[in-house]
């Protein structure tokens, strides 16, 4: 078993959850779902409606930064991870 075998999509989802919880005003409302597809895993991030702007950031910079981290994880693990930030109406 290699070091990469111990890193699961759940662990990567937990990383995204921890980052999002540090950014928002309502950390208990953060939810990350992991959806496995053929060649990649989609991480669906939901936060409280008033916190969506905090995880996206000005001009999308915060979201881009989280996606950059996921890109680095993807390269290391040889498995593509993508992030979808879901917006829901109040």
PDB file of N, CA and C in Angstrom:
ATOM      1  N   UNK A   1       0.844  -1.181   0.000  1.00  0.00           N
ATOM      2  CA  UNK A   1       0.000   0.000   0.000  1.00  0.00           C
ATOM      3  C   UNK A   1       0.886   1.240   0.000  1.00  0.00           C
ATOM      4  N   UNK A   2       0.639   2.124  -0.940  1.00  0.00           N
ATOM      5  CA  UNK A   2       1.430   3.346  -1.023  1.00  0.00           C
ATOM      6  C   UNK A   2       0.764   4.456  -0.234  1.00  0.00           C
ATOM      7  N   UNK A   3       1.475   5.545  -0.103  1.00  0.00           N
ATOM      8  CA  UNK A   3       0.946   6.705   0.617  1.00  0.00           C
ATOM      9  C   UNK A   3      -0.310   7.234  -0.073  1.00  0.00           C
ATOM     10  N   UNK A   4      -0.363   7.173  -1.404  1.00  0.00           N
ATOM     11  CA  UNK A   4      -1.498   7.696  -2.159  1.00  0.00           C
ATOM     12  C   UNK A   4      -2.760   6.870  -1.934  1.00  0.00           C
ATOM     13  N   UNK A   5      -2.606   5.574  -1.634  1.00  0.00           N
ATOM     14  CA  UNK A   5      -3.765   4.724  -1.420  1.00  0.00           C
ATOM     15  C   UNK A   5      -4.563   5.138  -0.189  1.00  0.00           C
ATOM     16  N   UNK A   6      -3.911   5.779   0.762  1.00  0.00           N
ATOM     17  CA  UNK A   6      -4.591   6.161   1.994  1.00  0.00           C
ATOM     18  C   UNK A   6      -5.390   7.446   1.857  1.00  0.00           C
ATOM     19  N   UNK A   7      -5.192   8.196   0.765  1.00  0.00           N
ATOM     20  CA  UNK A   7      -5.926   9.435   0.533  1.00  0.00           C
ATOM     21  C   UNK A   7      -7.150   9.103  -0.303  1.00  0.00           C
ATOM     22  N   UNK A   8      -8.318   9.265   0.285  1.00  0.00           N
ATOM     23  CA  UNK A   8      -9.567   8.929  -0.382  1.00  0.00           C
ATOM     24  C   UNK A   8     -10.281  10.204  -0.825  1.00  0.00           C
ATOM     25  N   UNK A   9     -11.270  10.075  -1.713  1.00  0.00           N
ATOM     26  CA  UNK A   9     -12.082  11.243  -2.057  1.00  0.00           C
ATOM     27  C   UNK A   9     -12.724  11.875  -0.816  1.00  0.00           C
ATOM     28  N   UNK A  10     -13.017  11.063   0.184  1.00  0.00           N
ATOM     29  CA  UNK A  10     -13.584  11.592   1.428  1.00  0.00           C
ATOM     30  C   UNK A  10     -12.586  12.497   2.132  1.00  0.00           C
ATOM     31  N   UNK A  11     -11.314  12.140   2.113  1.00  0.00           N
ATOM     32  CA  UNK A  11     -10.288  12.971   2.742  1.00  0.00           C
ATOM     33  C   UNK A  11     -10.125  14.289   1.996  1.00  0.00           C
ATOM     34  N   UNK A  12     -10.224  14.256   0.683  1.00  0.00           N
ATOM     35  CA  UNK A  12     -10.117  15.481  -0.110  1.00  0.00           C
ATOM     36  C   UNK A  12     -11.354  16.353   0.139  1.00  0.00           C
ATOM     37  N   UNK A  13     -12.524  15.737   0.243  1.00  0.00           N
ATOM     38  CA  UNK A  13     -13.749  16.480   0.556  1.00  0.00           C
ATOM     39  C   UNK A  13     -13.638  17.124   1.935  1.00  0.00           C
ATOM     40  N   UNK A  14     -13.035  16.428   2.873  1.00  0.00           N
ATOM     41  CA  UNK A  14     -12.843  16.977   4.216  1.00  0.00           C
ATOM     42  C   UNK A  14     -11.899  18.181   4.178  1.00  0.00           C
ATOM     43  N   UNK A  15     -10.888  18.138   3.328  1.00  0.00           N
ATOM     44  CA  UNK A  15      -9.993  19.282   3.150  1.00  0.00           C
ATOM     45  C   UNK A  15     -10.770  20.501   2.667  1.00  0.00           C
ATOM     46  N   UNK A  16     -11.619  20.311   1.660  1.00  0.00           N
ATOM     47  CA  UNK A  16     -12.433  21.415   1.137  1.00  0.00           C
ATOM     48  C   UNK A  16     -13.384  21.919   2.220  1.00  0.00           C
ATOM     49  N   UNK A  17     -13.971  20.995   2.990  1.00  0.00           N
ATOM     50  CA  UNK A  17     -14.874  21.382   4.079  1.00  0.00           C
ATOM     51  C   UNK A  17     -14.153  22.252   5.109  1.00  0.00           C
ATOM     52  N   UNK A  18     -12.963  21.861   5.497  1.00  0.00           N
ATOM     53  CA  UNK A  18     -12.192  22.629   6.490  1.00  0.00           C
ATOM     54  C   UNK A  18     -11.855  24.027   5.968  1.00  0.00           C
ATOM     55  N   UNK A  19     -11.472  24.123   4.710  1.00  0.00           N
ATOM     56  CA  UNK A  19     -11.161  25.426   4.122  1.00  0.00           C
ATOM     57  C   UNK A  19     -12.406  26.300   4.118  1.00  0.00           C
ATOM     58  N   UNK A  20     -13.528  25.738   3.666  1.00  0.00           N
ATOM     59  CA  UNK A  20     -14.772  26.506   3.591  1.00  0.00           C
ATOM     60  C   UNK A  20     -15.240  26.945   4.981  1.00  0.00           C
ATOM     61  N   UNK A  21     -15.134  26.066   5.958  1.00  0.00           N
ATOM     62  CA  UNK A  21     -15.563  26.418   7.318  1.00  0.00           C
ATOM     63  C   UNK A  21     -14.739  27.559   7.887  1.00  0.00           C
ATOM     64  N   UNK A  22     -13.489  27.652   7.492  1.00  0.00           N
ATOM     65  CA  UNK A  22     -12.633  28.746   7.968  1.00  0.00           C
ATOM     66  C   UNK A  22     -13.005  30.074   7.319  1.00  0.00           C
ATOM     67  N   UNK A  23     -13.700  30.044   6.189  1.00  0.00           N
ATOM     68  CA  UNK A  23     -14.016  31.259   5.445  1.00  0.00           C
ATOM     69  C   UNK A  23     -15.382  31.859   5.781  1.00  0.00           C
ATOM     70  N   UNK A  24     -16.324  31.035   6.206  1.00  0.00           N
ATOM     71  CA  UNK A  24     -17.717  31.472   6.312  1.00  0.00           C
ATOM     72  C   UNK A  24     -18.098  31.886   7.731  1.00  0.00           C
ATOM     73  N   UNK A  25     -19.264  32.559   7.827  1.00  0.00           N
ATOM     74  CA  UNK A  25     -19.799  32.955   9.128  1.00  0.00           C
ATOM     75  C   UNK A  25     -20.570  31.824   9.798  1.00  0.00           C
ATOM     76  N   UNK A  26     -21.141  30.919   9.000  1.00  0.00           N
ATOM     77  CA  UNK A  26     -21.895  29.782   9.533  1.00  0.00           C
ATOM     78  C   UNK A  26     -21.208  28.468   9.150  1.00  0.00           C
ATOM     79  N   UNK A  27     -20.172  28.075   9.893  1.00  0.00           N
ATOM     80  CA  UNK A  27     -19.435  26.855   9.523  1.00  0.00           C
ATOM     81  C   UNK A  27     -20.267  25.578   9.629  1.00  0.00           C
ATOM     82  N   UNK A  28     -21.312  25.591  10.448  1.00  0.00           N
ATOM     83  CA  UNK A  28     -22.135  24.380  10.571  1.00  0.00           C
ATOM     84  C   UNK A  28     -22.986  24.136   9.329  1.00  0.00           C
ATOM     85  N   UNK A  29     -23.174  25.161   8.491  1.00  0.00           N
ATOM     86  CA  UNK A  29     -23.983  25.023   7.278  1.00  0.00           C
ATOM     87  C   UNK A  29     -23.180  24.504   6.095  1.00  0.00           C
ATOM     88  N   UNK A  30     -21.876  24.331   6.258  1.00  0.00           N
ATOM     89  CA  UNK A  30     -21.023  23.860   5.158  1.00  0.00           C
ATOM     90  C   UNK A  30     -21.260  22.373   4.923  1.00  0.00           C
ATOM     91  N   UNK A  31     -21.484  22.025   3.664  1.00  0.00           N
ATOM     92  CA  UNK A  31     -21.684  20.627   3.291  1.00  0.00           C
ATOM     93  C   UNK A  31     -20.920  20.358   2.001  1.00  0.00           C
ATOM     94  N   UNK A  32     -20.163  19.289   1.985  1.00  0.00           N
ATOM     95  CA  UNK A  32     -19.422  18.897   0.784  1.00  0.00           C
ATOM     96  C   UNK A  32     -19.803  17.471   0.438  1.00  0.00           C
ATOM     97  N   UNK A  33     -20.300  17.289  -0.775  1.00  0.00           N
ATOM     98  CA  UNK A  33     -20.630  15.956  -1.266  1.00  0.00           C
ATOM     99  C   UNK A  33     -19.626  15.561  -2.329  1.00  0.00           C
ATOM    100  N   UNK A  34     -19.218  14.323  -2.292  1.00  0.00           N
ATOM    101  CA  UNK A  34     -18.261  13.798  -3.256  1.00  0.00           C
ATOM    102  C   UNK A  34     -19.004  12.895  -4.236  1.00  0.00           C
ATOM    103  N   UNK A  35     -18.933  13.234  -5.529  1.00  0.00           N
ATOM    104  CA  UNK A  35     -19.603  12.453  -6.569  1.00  0.00           C
ATOM    105  C   UNK A  35     -18.538  11.885  -7.494  1.00  0.00           C
ATOM    106  N   UNK A  36     -18.377  10.564  -7.472  1.00  0.00           N
ATOM    107  CA  UNK A  36     -17.382   9.909  -8.316  1.00  0.00           C
ATOM    108  C   UNK A  36     -17.922   9.736  -9.720  1.00  0.00           C
ATOM    109  N   UNK A  37     -17.104  10.105 -10.685  1.00  0.00           N
ATOM    110  CA  UNK A  37     -17.430   9.900 -12.096  1.00  0.00           C
ATOM    111  C   UNK A  37     -16.359   8.968 -12.653  1.00  0.00           C
ATOM    112  N   UNK A  38     -16.377   8.743 -13.952  1.00  0.00           N
ATOM    113  CA  UNK A  38     -15.421   7.819 -14.570  1.00  0.00           C
ATOM    114  C   UNK A  38     -13.977   8.184 -14.262  1.00  0.00           C
ATOM    115  N   UNK A  39     -13.583   9.383 -14.668  1.00  0.00           N
ATOM    116  CA  UNK A  39     -12.181   9.768 -14.566  1.00  0.00           C
ATOM    117  C   UNK A  39     -11.914  10.840 -13.527  1.00  0.00           C
ATOM    118  N   UNK A  40     -12.974  11.300 -12.863  1.00  0.00           N
ATOM    119  CA  UNK A  40     -12.764  12.368 -11.896  1.00  0.00           C
ATOM    120  C   UNK A  40     -13.765  12.277 -10.747  1.00  0.00           C
ATOM    121  N   UNK A  41     -13.556  13.124  -9.765  1.00  0.00           N
ATOM    122  CA  UNK A  41     -14.466  13.242  -8.628  1.00  0.00           C
ATOM    123  C   UNK A  41     -14.894  14.693  -8.532  1.00  0.00           C
ATOM    124  N   UNK A  42     -16.196  14.923  -8.490  1.00  0.00           N
ATOM    125  CA  UNK A  42     -16.743  16.266  -8.362  1.00  0.00           C
ATOM    126  C   UNK A  42     -17.086  16.497  -6.900  1.00  0.00           C
ATOM    127  N   UNK A  43     -16.572  17.580  -6.348  1.00  0.00           N
ATOM    128  CA  UNK A  43     -16.882  17.961  -4.978  1.00  0.00           C
ATOM    129  C   UNK A  43     -17.898  19.091  -5.030  1.00  0.00           C
ATOM    130  N   UNK A  44     -19.094  18.843  -4.494  1.00  0.00           N
ATOM    131  CA  UNK A  44     -20.164  19.835  -4.514  1.00  0.00           C
ATOM    132  C   UNK A  44     -20.214  20.516  -3.150  1.00  0.00           C
ATOM    133  N   UNK A  45     -19.919  21.809  -3.156  1.00  0.00           N
ATOM    134  CA  UNK A  45     -19.852  22.594  -1.924  1.00  0.00           C
ATOM    135  C   UNK A  45     -21.114  23.426  -1.773  1.00  0.00           C
ATOM    136  N   UNK A  46     -21.766  23.252  -0.622  1.00  0.00           N
ATOM    137  CA  UNK A  46     -22.934  24.064  -0.271  1.00  0.00           C
ATOM    138  C   UNK A  46     -22.623  24.825   1.007  1.00  0.00           C
ATOM    139  N   UNK A  47     -22.979  26.103   1.022  1.00  0.00           N
ATOM    140  CA  UNK A  47     -22.830  26.922   2.222  1.00  0.00           C
ATOM    141  C   UNK A  47     -24.132  27.696   2.413  1.00  0.00           C
ATOM    142  N   UNK A  48     -24.248  28.386   3.538  1.00  0.00           N
ATOM    143  CA  UNK A  48     -25.416  29.221   3.787  1.00  0.00           C
ATOM    144  C   UNK A  48     -25.501  30.286   2.688  1.00  0.00           C
ATOM    145  N   UNK A  49     -26.727  30.669   2.282  1.00  0.00           N
ATOM    146  CA  UNK A  49     -26.871  31.638   1.177  1.00  0.00           C
ATOM    147  C   UNK A  49     -26.067  32.921   1.376  1.00  0.00           C
ATOM    148  N   UNK A  50     -25.975  33.416   2.598  1.00  0.00           N
ATOM    149  CA  UNK A  50     -25.237  34.665   2.827  1.00  0.00           C
ATOM    150  C   UNK A  50     -23.720  34.463   2.784  1.00  0.00           C
ATOM    151  N   UNK A  51     -23.258  33.213   2.766  1.00  0.00           N
ATOM    152  CA  UNK A  51     -21.821  32.933   2.757  1.00  0.00           C
ATOM    153  C   UNK A  51     -21.274  32.577   1.379  1.00  0.00           C
ATOM    154  N   UNK A  52     -22.140  32.499   0.373  1.00  0.00           N
ATOM    155  CA  UNK A  52     -21.684  32.110  -0.968  1.00  0.00           C
ATOM    156  C   UNK A  52     -20.609  33.073  -1.471  1.00  0.00           C
ATOM    157  N   UNK A  53     -20.813  34.354  -1.251  1.00  0.00           N
ATOM    158  CA  UNK A  53     -19.831  35.347  -1.686  1.00  0.00           C
ATOM    159  C   UNK A  53     -18.482  35.186  -1.022  1.00  0.00           C
ATOM    160  N   UNK A  54     -18.476  34.692   0.200  1.00  0.00           N
ATOM    161  CA  UNK A  54     -17.210  34.511   0.920  1.00  0.00           C
ATOM    162  C   UNK A  54     -16.383  33.376   0.333  1.00  0.00           C
ATOM    163  N   UNK A  55     -17.042  32.302  -0.116  1.00  0.00           N
ATOM    164  CA  UNK A  55     -16.270  31.190  -0.689  1.00  0.00           C
ATOM    165  C   UNK A  55     -15.908  31.450  -2.154  1.00  0.00           C
ATOM    166  N   UNK A  56     -16.648  32.349  -2.811  1.00  0.00           N
ATOM    167  CA  UNK A  56     -16.293  32.709  -4.186  1.00  0.00           C
ATOM    168  C   UNK A  56     -15.220  33.792  -4.173  1.00  0.00           C
ATOM    169  N   UNK A  57     -15.374  34.794  -3.319  1.00  0.00           N
ATOM    170  CA  UNK A  57     -14.388  35.864  -3.210  1.00  0.00           C
ATOM    171  C   UNK A  57     -14.549  36.905  -4.302  1.00  0.00           C
ATOM    172  N   UNK A  58     -13.809  37.995  -4.156  1.00  0.00           N
ATOM    173  CA  UNK A  58     -13.858  39.060  -5.149  1.00  0.00           C
ATOM    174  C   UNK A  58     -13.295  38.557  -6.469  1.00  0.00           C
ATOM    175  N   UNK A  59     -14.091  38.717  -7.505  1.00  0.00           N
ATOM    176  CA  UNK A  59     -13.730  38.271  -8.860  1.00  0.00           C
ATOM    177  C   UNK A  59     -13.373  36.788  -8.904  1.00  0.00           C
ATOM    178  N   UNK A  60     -13.908  36.005  -7.959  1.00  0.00           N
ATOM    179  CA  UNK A  60     -13.689  34.562  -7.961  1.00  0.00           C
ATOM    180  C   UNK A  60     -12.325  34.122  -7.471  1.00  0.00           C
ATOM    181  N   UNK A  61     -11.604  35.013  -6.829  1.00  0.00           N
ATOM    182  CA  UNK A  61     -10.227  34.683  -6.424  1.00  0.00           C
ATOM    183  C   UNK A  61     -10.163  33.573  -5.377  1.00  0.00           C
ATOM    184  N   UNK A  62     -11.065  33.591  -4.403  1.00  0.00           N
ATOM    185  CA  UNK A  62     -11.035  32.560  -3.356  1.00  0.00           C
ATOM    186  C   UNK A  62     -11.375  31.193  -3.952  1.00  0.00           C
ATOM    187  N   UNK A  63     -12.406  31.137  -4.770  1.00  0.00           N
ATOM    188  CA  UNK A  63     -12.778  29.875  -5.415  1.00  0.00           C
ATOM    189  C   UNK A  63     -11.636  29.374  -6.303  1.00  0.00           C
ATOM    190  N   UNK A  64     -10.995  30.286  -7.022  1.00  0.00           N
ATOM    191  CA  UNK A  64      -9.870  29.914  -7.883  1.00  0.00           C
ATOM    192  C   UNK A  64      -8.722  29.337  -7.052  1.00  0.00           C
ATOM    193  N   UNK A  65      -8.494  29.907  -5.884  1.00  0.00           N
ATOM    194  CA  UNK A  65      -7.427  29.415  -5.007  1.00  0.00           C
ATOM    195  C   UNK A  65      -7.719  28.003  -4.507  1.00  0.00           C
ATOM    196  N   UNK A  66      -8.960  27.749  -4.117  1.00  0.00           N
ATOM    197  CA  UNK A  66      -9.333  26.400  -3.666  1.00  0.00           C
ATOM    198  C   UNK A  66      -9.197  25.422  -4.828  1.00  0.00           C
ATOM    199  N   UNK A  67      -9.590  25.858  -6.010  1.00  0.00           N
ATOM    200  CA  UNK A  67      -9.455  24.983  -7.187  1.00  0.00           C
ATOM    201  C   UNK A  67      -7.986  24.729  -7.524  1.00  0.00           C
ATOM    202  N   UNK A  68      -7.124  25.698  -7.267  1.00  0.00           N
ATOM    203  CA  UNK A  68      -5.685  25.507  -7.477  1.00  0.00           C
ATOM    204  C   UNK A  68      -5.149  24.438  -6.518  1.00  0.00           C
ATOM    205  N   UNK A  69      -5.590  24.485  -5.272  1.00  0.00           N
ATOM    206  CA  UNK A  69      -5.196  23.462  -4.298  1.00  0.00           C
ATOM    207  C   UNK A  69      -5.671  22.090  -4.767  1.00  0.00           C
ATOM    208  N   UNK A  70      -6.918  22.022  -5.228  1.00  0.00           N
ATOM    209  CA  UNK A  70      -7.429  20.745  -5.743  1.00  0.00           C
ATOM    210  C   UNK A  70      -6.646  20.275  -6.962  1.00  0.00           C
ATOM    211  N   UNK A  71      -6.190  21.212  -7.776  1.00  0.00           N
ATOM    212  CA  UNK A  71      -5.360  20.838  -8.925  1.00  0.00           C
ATOM    213  C   UNK A  71      -4.049  20.209  -8.494  1.00  0.00           C
ATOM    214  N   UNK A  72      -3.454  20.767  -7.444  1.00  0.00           N
ATOM    215  CA  UNK A  72      -2.202  20.202  -6.921  1.00  0.00           C
ATOM    216  C   UNK A  72      -2.444  18.810  -6.335  1.00  0.00           C
ATOM    217  N   UNK A  73      -3.557  18.646  -5.627  1.00  0.00           N
ATOM    218  CA  UNK A  73      -3.911  17.332  -5.078  1.00  0.00           C
ATOM    219  C   UNK A  73      -4.140  16.347  -6.225  1.00  0.00           C
ATOM    220  N   UNK A  74      -4.821  16.807  -7.268  1.00  0.00           N
ATOM    221  CA  UNK A  74      -5.093  15.945  -8.419  1.00  0.00           C
ATOM    222  C   UNK A  74      -3.814  15.451  -9.071  1.00  0.00           C
ATOM    223  N   UNK A  75      -2.847  16.345  -9.226  1.00  0.00           N
ATOM    224  CA  UNK A  75      -1.563  15.958  -9.823  1.00  0.00           C
ATOM    225  C   UNK A  75      -0.842  14.929  -8.956  1.00  0.00           C
ATOM    226  N   UNK A  76      -0.862  15.150  -7.666  1.00  0.00           N
ATOM    227  CA  UNK A  76      -0.150  14.258  -6.749  1.00  0.00           C
ATOM    228  C   UNK A  76      -0.793  12.867  -6.707  1.00  0.00           C
ATOM    229  N   UNK A  77      -2.134  12.837  -6.716  1.00  0.00           N
ATOM    230  CA  UNK A  77      -2.848  11.571  -6.574  1.00  0.00           C
ATOM    231  C   UNK A  77      -3.191  10.907  -7.912  1.00  0.00           C
ATOM    232  N   UNK A  78      -2.901  11.604  -9.017  1.00  0.00           N
ATOM    233  CA  UNK A  78      -3.221  11.094 -10.348  1.00  0.00           C
ATOM    234  C   UNK A  78      -4.712  10.801 -10.486  1.00  0.00           C
ATOM    235  N   UNK A  79      -5.516  11.675  -9.925  1.00  0.00           N
ATOM    236  CA  UNK A  79      -6.971  11.576 -10.012  1.00  0.00           C
ATOM    237  C   UNK A  79      -7.524  12.994 -10.007  1.00  0.00           C
ATOM    238  N   UNK A  80      -8.346  13.331 -10.971  1.00  0.00           N
ATOM    239  CA  UNK A  80      -8.837  14.700 -11.110  1.00  0.00           C
ATOM    240  C   UNK A  80      -9.979  14.987 -10.136  1.00  0.00           C
ATOM    241  N   UNK A  81      -9.865  16.115  -9.442  1.00  0.00           N
ATOM    242  CA  UNK A  81     -10.911  16.609  -8.554  1.00  0.00           C
ATOM    243  C   UNK A  81     -11.369  17.969  -9.070  1.00  0.00           C
ATOM    244  N   UNK A  82     -12.679  18.170  -9.126  1.00  0.00           N
ATOM    245  CA  UNK A  82     -13.222  19.464  -9.513  1.00  0.00           C
ATOM    246  C   UNK A  82     -14.156  19.955  -8.413  1.00  0.00           C
ATOM    247  N   UNK A  83     -14.313  21.267  -8.339  1.00  0.00           N
ATOM    248  CA  UNK A  83     -15.141  21.887  -7.304  1.00  0.00           C
ATOM    249  C   UNK A  83     -16.315  22.610  -7.940  1.00  0.00           C
ATOM    250  N   UNK A  84     -17.514  22.279  -7.472  1.00  0.00           N
ATOM    251  CA  UNK A  84     -18.721  23.007  -7.849  1.00  0.00           C
ATOM    252  C   UNK A  84     -19.243  23.703  -6.604  1.00  0.00           C
ATOM    253  N   UNK A  85     -19.412  25.019  -6.678  1.00  0.00           N
ATOM    254  CA  UNK A  85     -19.996  25.770  -5.582  1.00  0.00           C
ATOM    255  C   UNK A  85     -21.463  25.976  -5.928  1.00  0.00           C
ATOM    256  N   UNK A  86     -22.331  25.364  -5.144  1.00  0.00           N
ATOM    257  CA  UNK A  86     -23.753  25.394  -5.436  1.00  0.00           C
ATOM    258  C   UNK A  86     -24.416  26.567  -4.735  1.00  0.00           C
ATOM    259  N   UNK A  87     -25.164  27.345  -5.514  1.00  0.00           N
ATOM    260  CA  UNK A  87     -25.901  28.474  -4.969  1.00  0.00           C
ATOM    261  C   UNK A  87     -27.365  28.089  -4.879  1.00  0.00           C
ATOM    262  N   UNK A  88     -27.945  28.301  -3.726  1.00  0.00           N
ATOM    263  CA  UNK A  88     -29.361  28.014  -3.539  1.00  0.00           C
ATOM    264  C   UNK A  88     -30.078  29.271  -3.118  1.00  0.00           C
ATOM    265  N   UNK A  89     -31.318  29.402  -3.566  1.00  0.00           N
ATOM    266  CA  UNK A  89     -32.116  30.564  -3.177  1.00  0.00           C
ATOM    267  C   UNK A  89     -32.534  30.440  -1.715  1.00  0.00           C
ATOM    268  N   UNK A  90     -32.679  31.573  -1.065  1.00  0.00           N
ATOM    269  CA  UNK A  90     -33.087  31.555   0.344  1.00  0.00           C
ATOM    270  C   UNK A  90     -34.523  31.118   0.485  1.00  0.00           C
TER     271      UNK A  90
END
